[in-house]
Amino acid sequence: MESGYLLAIDLGVTNTVAVLRSPAGRSTPLIFEGDTVLPTGVLLEPSGRVVTGREAIRASAQFPERYEAAPRSRAAEAVLRLDGTETTPADLLSAVLATIGEAAVAVAGAIPDAVLTHPVLWRRSEEGVLRRAAAQAGIGQVTLLAEPIAAASVLPVPLGAHVVVVDVGARGFEASVVRHEDHGLRVLAVGGDTTIGGRRIDAAIAAHLAGTAGRQRRDAWRAIDRPQDAEQRRIQRAFWDDVRAAKEALAVNDRVPVTVPGFSAPQTLTRADLERFARPLADRVGRVTGRVLREAGVRPYDVETLLVIGGAARLPILAPALYLALGIEPVLVERPEIVVAVGALRHTVAHSGVSATRARPPAVVPAPRRAPSTGAPAAVARWARSATRVIRRPIGELPAPPRRAALTTSNESVDSLPVLRERPAQAPAPVRRYGWALILAPVILLLLVVALVVLVMT
């Protein structure tokens, strides 16, 4: 770090975030077209130039077959083909890193040394792709760090304590158990599901809007659902942006209007709608996180912190669902998208920029084989699971609001954050009823009915 600057890059599947630390110790996120989030998608133009970020998204309306929305997820492939043109994952990722390098040069005067985060289960070959991409982008010394370790580093973790990191993104989620051992932080177990994430909720919202508005003008909706030309693809992208904005707005509003192209009146989306669409994701995250804890041999009351990050962490139903499933009070942050990058800076500075050593590999918990079902049997199963969890604590304590870690706005330093605020004290419930009644009352009633039938028949 000759310049004294240090760059942390959280190269995500869908979005990328970079935080720059100055020689004075002040850390601020880099800005890309007025936002701290840079879309990871890239587009390979016919000329061979790789376009990144929002420019690539805009160009994808004209060249959809040349657009790759998630180049990081293809790091294990040797060669990629985009509309018949061969390229490599390192070439695509290097374009993303070069865009970040340009933003860093505007602040620091040169591309500083960097720490790049990656999935904990990446192989050496995939890490090599990331190193080659960084070298092609002009980044000098590179430190690689696993994402769960970077996220856990944003909080003070006592020696021997456990931190559960739940990262819920647009294309899936991952839960990891991290323990602070003598040699540093180590990931004990990891599990997740790459088939369900924030985009699945967006699709459910879009289908809901289609169901209410599409009956009036099916042709207009068909153009949104299956665009045939560049203009229709542009309209489709704008509509999905509106859907995501409405989803985020429902975190603080009870209802929001959503404009559907081709329809005169906007459709109304309520928080109840969002909770209904997000419940399968929240339930799946809770179940998988519980399995990861069991695989790691960690009991819920041995967990120091349950940290929820990722683009979908703002879903109102997620934190209560995790508390109900695990009995652990979640910790949220105001800006979950920068947590991994901030933690990577802290970890690297604390360890003099040395890459984390590879300890024993974490235990891998496979994703559930079946997607959450619907209907009466599934509802009965969910009621039974909820009832058995509730018996562990008074009903008056559910659901619990999450603790929230305060993060500042994008133009302020994030080096000294987050600072935890304890949950406001709640008045005790007037009647401390326990969940045993939820199970015993129906059983007793059923036994009485059976006994009555037997007496009548005899």
Protein backbone atom coordinates (compact mmCIF):
# COMPACT_ATOMS: atom_id res chain seq x y z
CA MET A 1 0.00 0.00 0.00
CA GLU A 2 2.52 2.61 -1.15
CA SER A 3 -0.16 5.30 -1.59
CA GLY A 4 -1.64 4.55 1.80
CA TYR A 5 -5.04 3.81 0.27
CA LEU A 6 -6.76 0.42 0.47
CA LEU A 7 -9.65 -0.71 -1.67
CA ALA A 8 -12.22 -3.35 -0.67
CA ILE A 9 -14.37 -4.86 -3.43
CA ASP A 10 -17.41 -7.00 -2.76
CA LEU A 11 -17.84 -8.57 -6.21
CA GLY A 12 -21.37 -9.92 -5.97
CA VAL A 13 -23.39 -12.09 -8.31
CA THR A 14 -25.79 -9.28 -9.20
CA ASN A 15 -24.28 -6.12 -7.72
CA THR A 16 -20.80 -4.98 -6.74
CA VAL A 17 -19.77 -2.53 -4.03
CA ALA A 18 -16.37 -0.95 -3.39
CA VAL A 19 -15.18 0.96 -0.31
CA LEU A 20 -11.98 3.03 -0.32
CA ARG A 21 -9.95 3.61 2.87
CA SER A 22 -7.79 6.74 2.91
CA PRO A 23 -4.38 7.03 4.63
CA ALA A 24 -6.14 8.93 7.43
CA GLY A 25 -8.33 5.88 8.09
CA ARG A 26 -11.54 7.29 6.61
CA SER A 27 -13.52 4.79 4.56
CA THR A 28 -16.14 5.83 2.00
CA PRO A 29 -18.00 3.89 -0.69
CA LEU A 30 -17.16 4.65 -4.32
CA ILE A 31 -19.93 6.15 -6.45
CA PHE A 32 -21.02 4.80 -9.85
CA GLU A 33 -23.48 6.96 -11.80
CA GLY A 34 -24.71 8.48 -8.55
CA ASP A 35 -25.09 5.18 -6.68
CA THR A 36 -22.88 3.14 -4.39
CA VAL A 37 -24.01 -0.07 -6.11
CA LEU A 38 -22.52 -1.10 -9.46
CA PRO A 39 -24.47 -3.78 -11.37
CA THR A 40 -22.12 -6.71 -12.02
CA GLY A 41 -23.65 -7.47 -15.43
CA VAL A 42 -21.48 -7.00 -18.51
CA LEU A 43 -22.10 -6.78 -22.25
CA LEU A 44 -19.66 -7.86 -24.95
CA GLU A 45 -20.06 -5.52 -27.91
CA PRO A 46 -19.51 -6.78 -31.50
CA SER A 47 -16.28 -4.76 -31.52
CA GLY A 48 -14.96 -6.80 -28.58
CA ARG A 49 -15.28 -4.01 -26.01
CA VAL A 50 -16.80 -5.07 -22.68
CA VAL A 51 -19.38 -2.64 -21.30
CA THR A 52 -20.19 -2.73 -17.59
CA GLY A 53 -22.71 -1.49 -15.05
CA ARG A 54 -25.82 0.42 -16.00
CA GLU A 55 -24.42 1.13 -19.45
CA ALA A 56 -24.39 -2.63 -20.07
CA ILE A 57 -27.97 -2.93 -18.85
CA ARG A 58 -29.08 -0.17 -21.21
CA ALA A 59 -27.21 -1.73 -24.13
CA SER A 60 -28.77 -5.13 -23.39
CA ALA A 61 -32.05 -3.88 -24.89
CA GLN A 62 -30.31 -3.80 -28.30
CA PHE A 63 -27.98 -6.80 -27.80
CA PRO A 64 -29.70 -9.13 -25.30
CA GLU A 65 -27.75 -12.17 -26.50
CA ARG A 66 -24.45 -10.41 -25.72
CA TYR A 67 -25.37 -9.56 -22.14
CA GLU A 68 -24.21 -11.63 -19.14
CA ALA A 69 -26.07 -10.61 -15.97
CA ALA A 70 -24.01 -12.69 -13.52
CA PRO A 71 -20.43 -13.22 -14.78
CA ARG A 72 -19.17 -14.20 -11.31
CA SER A 73 -21.42 -17.25 -11.25
CA ARG A 74 -19.61 -18.55 -14.36
CA ALA A 75 -16.10 -18.32 -12.94
CA ALA A 76 -15.69 -22.11 -13.07
CA GLU A 77 -16.11 -22.20 -16.86
CA ALA A 78 -13.01 -22.10 -19.05
CA VAL A 79 -14.63 -20.35 -22.04
CA LEU A 80 -17.86 -18.36 -22.40
CA ARG A 81 -19.80 -17.74 -25.58
CA LEU A 82 -21.88 -14.60 -26.00
CA ASP A 83 -23.70 -14.56 -29.33
CA GLY A 84 -21.01 -16.79 -30.83
CA THR A 85 -18.08 -14.71 -29.57
CA GLU A 86 -15.69 -16.50 -27.25
CA THR A 87 -14.45 -14.85 -24.07
CA THR A 88 -13.37 -15.89 -20.58
CA PRO A 89 -14.74 -15.19 -17.10
CA ALA A 90 -11.52 -13.35 -16.23
CA ASP A 91 -11.99 -10.99 -19.21
CA LEU A 92 -15.56 -10.14 -18.15
CA LEU A 93 -14.74 -9.74 -14.47
CA SER A 94 -11.67 -7.65 -15.27
CA ALA A 95 -13.94 -5.13 -17.01
CA VAL A 96 -16.01 -4.78 -13.83
CA LEU A 97 -12.87 -4.37 -11.72
CA ALA A 98 -11.47 -1.84 -14.22
CA THR A 99 -14.61 0.27 -13.82
CA ILE A 100 -14.04 0.22 -10.07
CA GLY A 101 -10.38 1.07 -10.63
CA GLU A 102 -11.34 4.16 -12.63
CA ALA A 103 -13.55 5.37 -9.78
CA ALA A 104 -10.73 4.74 -7.30
CA VAL A 105 -8.23 6.66 -9.45
CA ALA A 106 -10.54 9.67 -9.41
CA VAL A 107 -10.23 9.75 -5.61
CA ALA A 108 -6.82 8.26 -4.82
CA GLY A 109 -4.89 9.22 -7.98
CA ALA A 110 -3.97 5.58 -8.67
CA ILE A 111 -5.42 2.12 -8.26
CA PRO A 112 -4.50 1.05 -4.71
CA ASP A 113 -3.95 -2.43 -3.37
CA ALA A 114 -7.24 -4.24 -2.92
CA VAL A 115 -8.98 -6.93 -0.94
CA LEU A 116 -11.55 -8.89 -2.95
CA THR A 117 -14.22 -11.03 -1.36
CA HIS A 118 -15.41 -14.34 -2.80
CA PRO A 119 -17.75 -17.22 -1.89
CA VAL A 120 -16.37 -19.41 0.88
CA LEU A 121 -16.81 -22.56 -1.22
CA TRP A 122 -14.82 -21.34 -4.20
CA ARG A 123 -12.05 -23.62 -5.40
CA ARG A 124 -8.47 -22.56 -6.05
CA SER A 125 -9.19 -22.38 -9.78
CA GLU A 126 -12.03 -19.91 -9.26
CA GLU A 127 -9.87 -17.82 -6.96
CA GLY A 128 -7.27 -17.86 -9.72
CA VAL A 129 -9.82 -16.40 -12.14
CA LEU A 130 -10.41 -13.55 -9.71
CA ARG A 131 -6.67 -12.91 -9.36
CA ARG A 132 -6.20 -12.88 -13.14
CA ALA A 133 -9.12 -10.50 -13.53
CA ALA A 134 -7.60 -8.16 -10.94
CA ALA A 135 -4.23 -8.26 -12.69
CA GLN A 136 -5.84 -7.47 -16.06
CA ALA A 137 -7.66 -4.53 -14.44
CA GLY A 138 -4.37 -3.07 -13.22
CA ILE A 139 -4.79 -3.83 -9.54
CA GLY A 140 -1.42 -4.51 -7.91
CA GLN A 141 -1.32 -6.47 -4.69
CA VAL A 142 -4.54 -8.44 -4.16
CA THR A 143 -5.82 -10.05 -0.97
CA LEU A 144 -8.66 -12.57 -1.18
CA LEU A 145 -11.12 -13.02 1.67
CA ALA A 146 -14.17 -15.25 2.08
CA GLU A 147 -17.43 -13.31 2.24
CA PRO A 148 -18.73 -14.70 5.58
CA ILE A 149 -15.43 -13.83 7.30
CA ALA A 150 -15.56 -10.31 5.86
CA ALA A 151 -19.16 -9.85 7.00
CA ALA A 152 -18.42 -11.14 10.52
CA SER A 153 -15.45 -8.77 10.76
CA VAL A 154 -17.77 -5.77 10.71
CA LEU A 155 -18.71 -6.56 14.33
CA PRO A 156 -16.53 -7.20 17.38
CA VAL A 157 -16.46 -10.98 17.84
CA PRO A 158 -15.07 -12.23 21.20
CA LEU A 159 -12.69 -15.18 21.17
CA GLY A 160 -14.66 -18.42 21.08
CA ALA A 161 -17.90 -16.69 20.04
CA HIS A 162 -20.05 -17.66 17.07
CA VAL A 163 -21.57 -15.38 14.45
CA VAL A 164 -24.25 -16.50 12.00
CA VAL A 165 -24.16 -14.56 8.72
CA VAL A 166 -27.33 -14.75 6.62
CA ASP A 167 -26.75 -13.21 3.18
CA VAL A 168 -29.99 -12.90 1.19
CA GLY A 169 -29.43 -11.65 -2.34
CA ALA A 170 -31.34 -11.33 -5.57
CA ARG A 171 -30.39 -14.77 -6.92
CA GLY A 172 -30.25 -16.84 -3.74
CA PHE A 173 -29.22 -16.85 -0.12
CA GLU A 174 -26.46 -18.31 2.01
CA ALA A 175 -26.16 -18.92 5.75
CA SER A 176 -22.76 -19.40 7.42
CA VAL A 177 -21.61 -20.10 10.96
CA VAL A 178 -18.36 -18.30 11.80
CA ARG A 179 -16.33 -18.89 14.96
CA HIS A 180 -13.52 -16.76 16.37
CA GLU A 181 -10.66 -19.18 17.05
CA ASP A 182 -7.06 -18.61 18.14
CA HIS A 183 -5.84 -18.18 14.55
CA GLY A 184 -8.74 -15.93 13.55
CA LEU A 185 -12.23 -16.30 12.12
CA ARG A 186 -13.19 -19.66 10.60
CA VAL A 187 -16.33 -20.76 8.77
CA LEU A 188 -17.65 -23.93 10.42
CA ALA A 189 -20.60 -24.66 8.14
CA VAL A 190 -22.34 -23.11 5.19
CA GLY A 191 -25.59 -23.76 3.36
CA GLY A 192 -28.04 -21.98 1.14
CA ASP A 193 -30.22 -22.09 -1.92
CA THR A 194 -29.39 -20.50 -5.27
CA THR A 195 -32.90 -21.03 -6.64
CA ILE A 196 -34.82 -18.63 -4.40
CA GLY A 197 -33.98 -14.99 -3.72
CA GLY A 198 -35.18 -11.45 -4.20
CA ARG A 199 -35.81 -11.97 -7.91
CA ARG A 200 -38.28 -14.74 -7.10
CA ILE A 201 -40.27 -12.24 -5.06
CA ASP A 202 -40.11 -9.73 -7.91
CA ALA A 203 -41.52 -12.38 -10.23
CA ALA A 204 -44.36 -13.12 -7.80
CA ILE A 205 -45.20 -9.41 -7.60
CA ALA A 206 -45.17 -9.14 -11.40
CA ALA A 207 -47.46 -12.16 -11.69
CA HIS A 208 -49.80 -10.59 -9.14
CA LEU A 209 -49.93 -7.36 -11.13
CA ALA A 210 -50.53 -9.37 -14.29
CA GLY A 211 -53.41 -11.15 -12.62
CA THR A 212 -55.13 -7.91 -11.65
CA ALA A 213 -54.36 -5.82 -14.74
CA GLY A 214 -53.69 -8.41 -17.40
CA ARG A 215 -57.34 -9.42 -17.69
CA GLN A 216 -58.04 -6.02 -19.24
CA ARG A 217 -55.26 -5.94 -21.81
CA ARG A 218 -53.51 -9.23 -22.32
CA ASP A 219 -51.60 -7.99 -25.37
CA ALA A 220 -49.96 -5.22 -23.36
CA TRP A 221 -48.92 -7.64 -20.66
CA ARG A 222 -47.60 -10.13 -23.23
CA ALA A 223 -45.25 -7.43 -24.55
CA ILE A 224 -43.88 -6.94 -21.03
CA ASP A 225 -43.57 -10.63 -20.28
CA ARG A 226 -42.04 -11.65 -23.63
CA PRO A 227 -40.53 -8.58 -25.33
CA GLN A 228 -39.72 -8.93 -29.00
CA ASP A 229 -37.69 -5.81 -29.77
CA ALA A 230 -35.40 -3.28 -28.13
CA GLU A 231 -38.21 -0.90 -27.18
CA GLN A 232 -40.23 -3.63 -25.47
CA ARG A 233 -37.12 -4.81 -23.63
CA ARG A 234 -36.52 -1.24 -22.42
CA ILE A 235 -40.12 -1.06 -21.17
CA GLN A 236 -39.74 -4.44 -19.48
CA ARG A 237 -36.56 -3.31 -17.69
CA ALA A 238 -38.27 -0.11 -16.48
CA PHE A 239 -41.20 -2.12 -15.18
CA TRP A 240 -38.97 -4.50 -13.21
CA ASP A 241 -37.13 -1.51 -11.77
CA ASP A 242 -40.48 -0.13 -10.60
CA VAL A 243 -41.38 -3.48 -9.06
CA ARG A 244 -38.12 -3.59 -7.10
CA ALA A 245 -38.57 0.02 -5.98
CA ALA A 246 -42.10 -0.74 -4.78
CA LYS A 247 -40.85 -3.79 -2.88
CA GLU A 248 -38.27 -1.67 -1.08
CA ALA A 249 -40.79 1.10 -0.38
CA LEU A 250 -43.10 -1.35 1.38
CA ALA A 251 -40.51 -1.66 4.13
CA VAL A 252 -41.75 1.70 5.43
CA ASN A 253 -45.17 2.10 3.74
CA ASP A 254 -48.35 0.07 3.97
CA ARG A 255 -49.20 0.40 0.28
CA VAL A 256 -47.56 1.80 -2.86
CA PRO A 257 -48.77 2.31 -6.44
CA VAL A 258 -47.01 0.50 -9.28
CA THR A 259 -47.32 1.69 -12.86
CA VAL A 260 -47.82 -1.15 -15.32
CA PRO A 261 -46.92 -0.20 -18.92
CA GLY A 262 -49.94 -0.23 -21.19
CA PHE A 263 -52.46 0.33 -18.42
CA SER A 264 -53.98 3.68 -17.59
CA ALA A 265 -54.39 3.31 -13.83
CA PRO A 266 -51.54 2.22 -11.52
CA GLN A 267 -51.97 -0.98 -9.55
CA THR A 268 -51.74 -0.97 -5.75
CA LEU A 269 -49.30 -3.23 -3.95
CA THR A 270 -49.75 -3.66 -0.18
CA ARG A 271 -47.42 -4.85 2.53
CA ALA A 272 -49.72 -7.84 3.05
CA ASP A 273 -49.13 -8.77 -0.61
CA LEU A 274 -45.38 -8.49 -0.13
CA GLU A 275 -45.44 -10.63 3.01
CA ARG A 276 -47.44 -13.29 1.20
CA PHE A 277 -44.97 -13.38 -1.69
CA ALA A 278 -41.90 -13.25 0.58
CA ARG A 279 -43.01 -15.88 3.08
CA PRO A 280 -41.66 -18.87 1.09
CA LEU A 281 -38.25 -17.19 1.00
CA ALA A 282 -38.33 -16.26 4.70
CA ASP A 283 -39.41 -19.76 5.73
CA ARG A 284 -36.72 -21.37 3.57
CA VAL A 285 -34.02 -19.08 4.99
CA GLY A 286 -35.07 -19.98 8.53
CA ARG A 287 -35.08 -23.73 7.85
CA VAL A 288 -31.72 -23.75 6.08
CA THR A 289 -30.09 -21.57 8.73
CA GLY A 290 -31.31 -23.98 11.42
CA ARG A 291 -29.81 -26.91 9.51
CA VAL A 292 -26.49 -25.07 9.17
CA LEU A 293 -26.42 -24.44 12.93
CA ARG A 294 -27.07 -28.11 13.63
CA GLU A 295 -24.36 -29.19 11.18
CA ALA A 296 -21.90 -26.86 12.89
CA GLY A 297 -22.84 -28.27 16.29
CA VAL A 298 -23.82 -24.81 17.56
CA ARG A 299 -26.91 -24.26 19.70
CA PRO A 300 -28.95 -21.09 19.14
CA TYR A 301 -28.18 -19.71 22.60
CA ASP A 302 -24.44 -20.07 21.85
CA VAL A 303 -24.70 -17.59 18.95
CA GLU A 304 -23.25 -14.16 19.71
CA THR A 305 -24.83 -12.41 16.70
CA LEU A 306 -27.19 -13.28 13.88
CA LEU A 307 -26.25 -10.81 11.14
CA VAL A 308 -28.63 -10.39 8.20
CA ILE A 309 -27.18 -8.78 5.06
CA GLY A 310 -27.79 -8.72 1.32
CA GLY A 311 -30.11 -6.86 -0.99
CA ALA A 312 -33.22 -8.69 0.29
CA ALA A 313 -32.36 -8.17 3.96
CA ARG A 314 -34.81 -5.26 4.12
CA LEU A 315 -37.84 -7.52 3.67
CA PRO A 316 -40.06 -6.79 6.69
CA ILE A 317 -41.00 -10.44 7.16
CA LEU A 318 -37.45 -11.82 7.14
CA ALA A 319 -36.22 -10.84 10.61
CA PRO A 320 -39.39 -12.00 12.45
CA ALA A 321 -39.29 -15.28 10.51
CA LEU A 322 -35.67 -15.88 11.54
CA TYR A 323 -36.46 -15.04 15.16
CA LEU A 324 -39.41 -17.41 15.13
CA ALA A 325 -37.39 -20.22 13.52
CA LEU A 326 -34.20 -19.90 15.58
CA GLY A 327 -35.04 -17.97 18.72
CA ILE A 328 -32.14 -15.59 17.98
CA GLU A 329 -32.67 -11.85 17.74
CA PRO A 330 -31.38 -10.75 14.30
CA VAL A 331 -29.15 -7.74 13.75
CA LEU A 332 -29.87 -5.67 10.64
CA VAL A 333 -28.01 -2.73 9.14
CA GLU A 334 -29.35 0.37 7.48
CA ARG A 335 -27.30 -0.30 4.34
CA PRO A 336 -26.68 -4.05 4.11
CA GLU A 337 -25.07 -3.80 0.68
CA ILE A 338 -21.82 -2.33 2.04
CA VAL A 339 -21.34 -4.63 5.05
CA VAL A 340 -19.07 -7.17 3.33
CA ALA A 341 -16.81 -4.48 1.85
CA VAL A 342 -16.54 -2.60 5.16
CA GLY A 343 -15.77 -5.84 7.00
CA ALA A 344 -13.16 -6.78 4.42
CA LEU A 345 -11.36 -3.50 5.05
CA ARG A 346 -11.39 -4.01 8.80
CA HIS A 347 -10.17 -7.58 8.55
CA THR A 348 -7.38 -6.68 6.12
CA VAL A 349 -6.16 -3.72 8.16
CA ALA A 350 -6.22 -5.79 11.36
CA HIS A 351 -4.25 -8.61 9.71
CA SER A 352 -1.77 -6.44 7.79
CA GLY A 353 -3.27 -7.32 4.42
CA VAL A 354 -2.41 -11.01 4.64
CA SER A 355 -4.87 -13.40 3.01
CA ALA A 356 -6.83 -15.54 5.42
CA THR A 357 -5.28 -18.96 5.86
CA ARG A 358 -7.22 -21.97 4.69
CA ALA A 359 -8.23 -23.93 7.73
CA ARG A 360 -10.38 -27.05 7.59
CA PRO A 361 -13.05 -26.61 4.92
CA PRO A 362 -16.53 -25.83 6.24
CA ALA A 363 -19.27 -28.40 6.37
CA VAL A 364 -21.65 -27.95 3.44
CA VAL A 365 -25.38 -28.25 4.07
CA PRO A 366 -27.28 -29.08 0.86
CA ALA A 367 -30.34 -27.06 -0.07
CA PRO A 368 -33.78 -28.61 0.47
CA ARG A 369 -34.72 -30.77 -2.48
CA ARG A 370 -38.30 -29.61 -2.74
CA ALA A 371 -39.55 -26.08 -3.06
CA PRO A 372 -42.05 -24.88 -0.43
CA SER A 373 -45.44 -26.32 -1.22
CA THR A 374 -48.81 -24.65 -0.97
CA GLY A 375 -52.29 -25.70 -0.02
CA ALA A 376 -53.87 -27.12 3.10
CA PRO A 377 -51.20 -29.78 3.91
CA ALA A 378 -48.44 -27.17 3.71
CA ALA A 379 -50.45 -24.79 5.89
CA VAL A 380 -50.94 -27.50 8.51
CA ALA A 381 -47.22 -28.31 8.43
CA ARG A 382 -46.30 -24.64 8.87
CA TRP A 383 -48.75 -24.32 11.78
CA ALA A 384 -47.24 -27.39 13.45
CA ARG A 385 -43.68 -26.05 13.05
CA SER A 386 -44.68 -22.67 14.42
CA ALA A 387 -46.49 -24.23 17.37
CA THR A 388 -43.53 -26.38 18.36
CA ARG A 389 -41.23 -23.34 18.21
CA VAL A 390 -43.53 -21.12 20.24
CA ILE A 391 -43.55 -23.49 23.24
CA ARG A 392 -39.95 -22.50 23.94
CA ARG A 393 -40.86 -18.92 24.88
CA PRO A 394 -43.91 -16.81 25.83
CA ILE A 395 -46.25 -15.70 23.09
CA GLY A 396 -45.95 -12.15 24.36
CA GLU A 397 -42.36 -12.06 23.12
CA LEU A 398 -43.21 -12.74 19.46
CA PRO A 399 -42.40 -11.41 17.00
CA ALA A 400 -39.34 -9.49 18.09
CA PRO A 401 -38.11 -6.47 16.16
CA PRO A 402 -34.49 -6.85 15.07
CA ARG A 403 -31.66 -4.90 16.53
CA ARG A 404 -30.49 -2.41 13.96
CA ALA A 405 -26.92 -1.36 13.30
CA ALA A 406 -26.68 2.26 12.23
CA LEU A 407 -24.87 3.03 8.95
CA THR A 408 -24.43 6.51 7.55
CA THR A 409 -25.30 7.98 4.17
CA SER A 410 -23.10 7.35 1.14
CA ASN A 411 -20.99 10.51 1.49
CA GLU A 412 -19.99 9.85 5.09
CA SER A 413 -17.27 7.69 6.57
CA VAL A 414 -18.15 4.09 7.35
CA ASP A 415 -14.90 3.19 9.08
CA SER A 416 -16.21 3.44 12.65
CA LEU A 417 -19.53 1.74 11.97
CA PRO A 418 -21.79 0.01 12.69
CA VAL A 419 -22.74 0.96 16.23
CA LEU A 420 -25.33 -1.37 17.70
CA ARG A 421 -28.48 0.01 19.28
CA GLU A 422 -30.26 -2.22 21.70
CA ARG A 423 -33.92 -3.03 21.08
CA PRO A 424 -36.28 -0.63 22.89
CA ALA A 425 -37.66 -2.07 26.09
CA GLN A 426 -41.15 -3.53 25.77
CA ALA A 427 -43.82 -3.58 28.41
CA PRO A 428 -44.43 -7.09 29.79
CA ALA A 429 -47.42 -8.89 28.40
CA PRO A 430 -50.39 -8.77 30.79
CA VAL A 431 -50.99 -12.50 30.44
CA ARG A 432 -48.02 -14.83 29.96
CA ARG A 433 -49.65 -17.61 27.99
CA TYR A 434 -47.38 -20.38 26.74
CA GLY A 435 -47.59 -22.24 23.51
CA TRP A 436 -48.37 -25.61 25.10
CA ALA A 437 -52.05 -24.72 24.77
CA LEU A 438 -51.70 -24.54 21.02
CA ILE A 439 -50.86 -28.23 20.95
CA LEU A 440 -52.64 -29.65 24.00
CA ALA A 441 -56.03 -28.00 23.46
CA PRO A 442 -56.71 -29.54 20.01
CA VAL A 443 -55.42 -32.92 21.20
CA ILE A 444 -57.68 -32.91 24.27
CA LEU A 445 -60.65 -31.80 22.17
CA LEU A 446 -60.00 -34.59 19.66
CA LEU A 447 -59.81 -37.18 22.45
CA LEU A 448 -63.11 -35.97 23.91
CA VAL A 449 -64.79 -36.20 20.51
CA VAL A 450 -63.47 -39.74 19.96
CA ALA A 451 -64.60 -40.80 23.44
CA LEU A 452 -68.06 -39.33 22.83
CA VAL A 453 -68.39 -41.17 19.52
CA VAL A 454 -67.35 -44.45 21.14
CA LEU A 455 -69.89 -44.00 23.94
CA VAL A 456 -72.70 -43.27 21.47
CA MET A 457 -71.88 -46.27 19.30
CA THR A 458 -71.77 -48.61 22.27
